Amino acid sequence: MTAKLSMICSKQDNGSYFAVCPEVKGCYTQGDTYEEAFANLKELVEITVKEDLTEEERQNIVQSASKIFSEFEIAV
C-alpha cells in the first residue's frame, strides 16, 4: 500500500529549512538545504508509519492523504 503525503517546508532565518508532514502527527525535521529537509522528513515518516503506528492509524493516513494544498499571495 502507498500513500501520497504532503510536506510543508519553510526557510528559516538562519538559512536552514524546516519541514513538516501534516498527515503524520509529530513528524517534523530540518536540513541545511531543501533537499536535505525533504529527505530527512521522508525517512522520518517512513520509520514512524512502519514502526510506531497501528494499522488503523495507517489507514487514517491513507484516507487523509487526499488533501489539496495551495499557495497564494497577498499584498502586505
N, C-alpha and C. Protein backbone atom coordinates (compact mmCIF):
# COMPACT_ATOMS: atom_id res chain seq x y z
N MET A 1 0.85 -1.17 0.00
CA MET A 1 0.00 0.00 0.00
C MET A 1 0.90 1.24 0.00
N THR A 2 0.51 2.25 -0.74
CA THR A 2 1.25 3.50 -0.77
C THR A 2 0.29 4.66 -0.50
N ALA A 3 0.83 5.78 -0.12
CA ALA A 3 0.04 6.99 0.10
C ALA A 3 0.88 8.18 -0.32
N LYS A 4 0.23 9.15 -0.94
CA LYS A 4 0.90 10.41 -1.27
C LYS A 4 0.65 11.36 -0.11
N LEU A 5 1.73 11.81 0.51
CA LEU A 5 1.64 12.69 1.66
C LEU A 5 2.15 14.07 1.31
N SER A 6 1.91 15.00 2.20
CA SER A 6 2.29 16.39 1.97
C SER A 6 3.50 16.78 2.81
N MET A 7 4.24 17.75 2.30
CA MET A 7 5.31 18.35 3.06
C MET A 7 5.11 19.86 3.01
N ILE A 8 5.20 20.49 4.16
CA ILE A 8 5.22 21.95 4.22
C ILE A 8 6.64 22.30 4.65
N CYS A 9 7.30 23.11 3.86
CA CYS A 9 8.71 23.42 4.12
C CYS A 9 8.89 24.94 4.10
N SER A 10 9.63 25.42 5.09
CA SER A 10 9.89 26.86 5.13
C SER A 10 11.37 27.10 5.42
N LYS A 11 11.88 28.16 4.80
CA LYS A 11 13.27 28.54 5.02
C LYS A 11 13.33 29.40 6.27
N GLN A 12 14.23 29.05 7.15
CA GLN A 12 14.38 29.75 8.42
C GLN A 12 15.34 30.93 8.29
N ASP A 13 15.34 31.81 9.27
CA ASP A 13 16.21 32.98 9.25
C ASP A 13 17.69 32.62 9.17
N ASN A 14 18.05 31.47 9.73
CA ASN A 14 19.46 31.06 9.72
C ASN A 14 19.86 30.34 8.42
N GLY A 15 18.93 30.24 7.47
CA GLY A 15 19.23 29.63 6.18
C GLY A 15 18.89 28.16 6.08
N SER A 16 18.58 27.51 7.21
CA SER A 16 18.19 26.09 7.17
C SER A 16 16.72 25.98 6.78
N TYR A 17 16.26 24.77 6.57
CA TYR A 17 14.88 24.52 6.16
C TYR A 17 14.18 23.65 7.19
N PHE A 18 12.94 24.01 7.52
CA PHE A 18 12.11 23.28 8.46
C PHE A 18 10.99 22.62 7.66
N ALA A 19 10.79 21.31 7.85
CA ALA A 19 9.79 20.57 7.08
C ALA A 19 8.88 19.79 8.02
N VAL A 20 7.60 19.75 7.67
CA VAL A 20 6.61 19.02 8.46
C VAL A 20 5.67 18.26 7.52
N CYS A 21 5.23 17.08 7.97
CA CYS A 21 4.23 16.30 7.24
C CYS A 21 2.94 16.38 8.05
N PRO A 22 1.95 17.15 7.59
CA PRO A 22 0.74 17.36 8.39
C PRO A 22 -0.11 16.11 8.59
N GLU A 23 0.03 15.12 7.73
CA GLU A 23 -0.79 13.91 7.87
C GLU A 23 -0.30 12.97 8.97
N VAL A 24 0.97 13.11 9.38
CA VAL A 24 1.55 12.21 10.38
C VAL A 24 1.96 13.05 11.60
N LYS A 25 1.17 12.95 12.64
CA LYS A 25 1.38 13.75 13.84
C LYS A 25 2.80 13.59 14.38
N GLY A 26 3.43 14.72 14.67
CA GLY A 26 4.77 14.72 15.26
C GLY A 26 5.91 14.54 14.29
N CYS A 27 5.63 14.50 13.00
CA CYS A 27 6.71 14.31 12.02
C CYS A 27 7.15 15.64 11.45
N TYR A 28 8.25 16.13 11.98
CA TYR A 28 8.87 17.36 11.50
C TYR A 28 10.37 17.24 11.70
N THR A 29 11.10 17.95 10.86
CA THR A 29 12.56 17.87 10.89
C THR A 29 13.13 19.11 10.22
N GLN A 30 14.43 19.13 10.06
CA GLN A 30 15.08 20.25 9.38
C GLN A 30 16.26 19.75 8.56
N GLY A 31 16.82 20.64 7.77
CA GLY A 31 18.00 20.33 6.98
C GLY A 31 18.69 21.60 6.55
N ASP A 32 19.93 21.48 6.17
CA ASP A 32 20.68 22.65 5.70
C ASP A 32 20.20 23.12 4.33
N THR A 33 19.63 22.21 3.54
CA THR A 33 19.08 22.54 2.23
C THR A 33 17.65 22.00 2.15
N TYR A 34 16.91 22.47 1.15
CA TYR A 34 15.56 21.96 0.92
C TYR A 34 15.60 20.45 0.68
N GLU A 35 16.53 20.01 -0.13
CA GLU A 35 16.64 18.59 -0.46
C GLU A 35 16.93 17.75 0.78
N GLU A 36 17.80 18.25 1.65
CA GLU A 36 18.11 17.52 2.88
C GLU A 36 16.91 17.46 3.81
N ALA A 37 16.18 18.57 3.94
CA ALA A 37 14.98 18.58 4.78
C ALA A 37 13.95 17.60 4.23
N PHE A 38 13.78 17.57 2.91
CA PHE A 38 12.84 16.65 2.27
C PHE A 38 13.24 15.19 2.53
N ALA A 39 14.51 14.87 2.34
CA ALA A 39 14.99 13.51 2.56
C ALA A 39 14.84 13.10 4.03
N ASN A 40 15.17 14.02 4.93
CA ASN A 40 15.03 13.73 6.36
C ASN A 40 13.58 13.47 6.74
N LEU A 41 12.67 14.29 6.19
CA LEU A 41 11.25 14.12 6.51
C LEU A 41 10.72 12.81 5.95
N LYS A 42 11.08 12.49 4.73
CA LYS A 42 10.61 11.24 4.13
C LYS A 42 11.07 10.04 4.95
N GLU A 43 12.33 10.04 5.37
CA GLU A 43 12.85 8.95 6.18
C GLU A 43 12.12 8.86 7.52
N LEU A 44 11.91 10.01 8.16
CA LEU A 44 11.21 10.03 9.45
C LEU A 44 9.79 9.51 9.32
N VAL A 45 9.07 9.94 8.29
CA VAL A 45 7.69 9.50 8.09
C VAL A 45 7.65 8.00 7.84
N GLU A 46 8.53 7.50 7.00
CA GLU A 46 8.55 6.06 6.72
C GLU A 46 8.80 5.25 7.99
N ILE A 47 9.75 5.67 8.80
CA ILE A 47 10.04 4.96 10.05
C ILE A 47 8.85 5.04 10.99
N THR A 48 8.28 6.23 11.14
CA THR A 48 7.15 6.41 12.05
C THR A 48 5.97 5.55 11.64
N VAL A 49 5.63 5.56 10.36
CA VAL A 49 4.48 4.80 9.87
C VAL A 49 4.71 3.30 10.06
N LYS A 50 5.90 2.83 9.75
CA LYS A 50 6.18 1.39 9.84
C LYS A 50 6.31 0.90 11.27
N GLU A 51 6.92 1.70 12.14
CA GLU A 51 7.27 1.20 13.47
C GLU A 51 6.37 1.69 14.60
N ASP A 52 5.73 2.84 14.44
CA ASP A 52 5.02 3.44 15.57
C ASP A 52 3.50 3.48 15.45
N LEU A 53 2.96 3.28 14.27
CA LEU A 53 1.52 3.42 14.08
C LEU A 53 0.81 2.08 14.03
N THR A 54 -0.43 2.09 14.49
CA THR A 54 -1.27 0.90 14.38
C THR A 54 -1.82 0.82 12.95
N GLU A 55 -2.39 -0.30 12.61
CA GLU A 55 -2.99 -0.47 11.27
C GLU A 55 -4.10 0.56 11.06
N GLU A 56 -4.89 0.83 12.08
CA GLU A 56 -5.97 1.81 11.96
C GLU A 56 -5.40 3.21 11.69
N GLU A 57 -4.33 3.56 12.38
CA GLU A 57 -3.69 4.86 12.15
C GLU A 57 -3.12 4.94 10.75
N ARG A 58 -2.56 3.85 10.23
CA ARG A 58 -2.05 3.84 8.85
C ARG A 58 -3.19 4.07 7.86
N GLN A 59 -4.33 3.44 8.08
CA GLN A 59 -5.48 3.62 7.20
C GLN A 59 -5.97 5.07 7.23
N ASN A 60 -5.95 5.69 8.40
CA ASN A 60 -6.36 7.09 8.51
C ASN A 60 -5.44 8.00 7.71
N ILE A 61 -4.14 7.68 7.67
CA ILE A 61 -3.20 8.47 6.88
C ILE A 61 -3.53 8.35 5.40
N VAL A 62 -3.80 7.15 4.94
CA VAL A 62 -4.14 6.94 3.53
C VAL A 62 -5.38 7.74 3.17
N GLN A 63 -6.38 7.76 4.05
CA GLN A 63 -7.61 8.50 3.78
C GLN A 63 -7.39 10.00 3.81
N SER A 64 -6.53 10.49 4.69
CA SER A 64 -6.30 11.93 4.80
C SER A 64 -5.35 12.45 3.73
N ALA A 65 -4.70 11.57 3.03
CA ALA A 65 -3.69 11.97 2.05
C ALA A 65 -4.28 12.61 0.79
N SER A 66 -5.60 12.71 0.72
CA SER A 66 -6.22 13.30 -0.46
C SER A 66 -6.40 14.81 -0.32
N LYS A 67 -5.80 15.42 0.70
CA LYS A 67 -5.89 16.86 0.89
C LYS A 67 -5.17 17.59 -0.25
N ILE A 68 -5.64 18.78 -0.53
CA ILE A 68 -5.02 19.61 -1.55
C ILE A 68 -4.55 20.90 -0.88
N PHE A 69 -3.28 21.23 -1.08
CA PHE A 69 -2.72 22.46 -0.53
C PHE A 69 -2.44 23.42 -1.68
N SER A 70 -2.71 24.68 -1.44
CA SER A 70 -2.45 25.69 -2.46
C SER A 70 -1.69 26.84 -1.84
N GLU A 71 -1.00 27.55 -2.68
CA GLU A 71 -0.27 28.74 -2.27
C GLU A 71 -0.96 29.97 -2.85
N PHE A 72 -0.93 31.07 -2.12
CA PHE A 72 -1.45 32.30 -2.66
C PHE A 72 -0.67 33.47 -2.10
N GLU A 73 -0.75 34.61 -2.76
CA GLU A 73 -0.03 35.80 -2.33
C GLU A 73 -1.02 36.88 -1.93
N ILE A 74 -0.60 37.72 -1.01
CA ILE A 74 -1.38 38.89 -0.63
C ILE A 74 -0.45 40.08 -0.55
N ALA A 75 -0.98 41.27 -0.69
CA ALA A 75 -0.18 42.48 -0.54
C ALA A 75 -0.03 42.77 0.95
N VAL A 76 1.18 43.11 1.37
CA VAL A 76 1.40 43.46 2.78
C VAL A 76 2.08 44.81 2.90
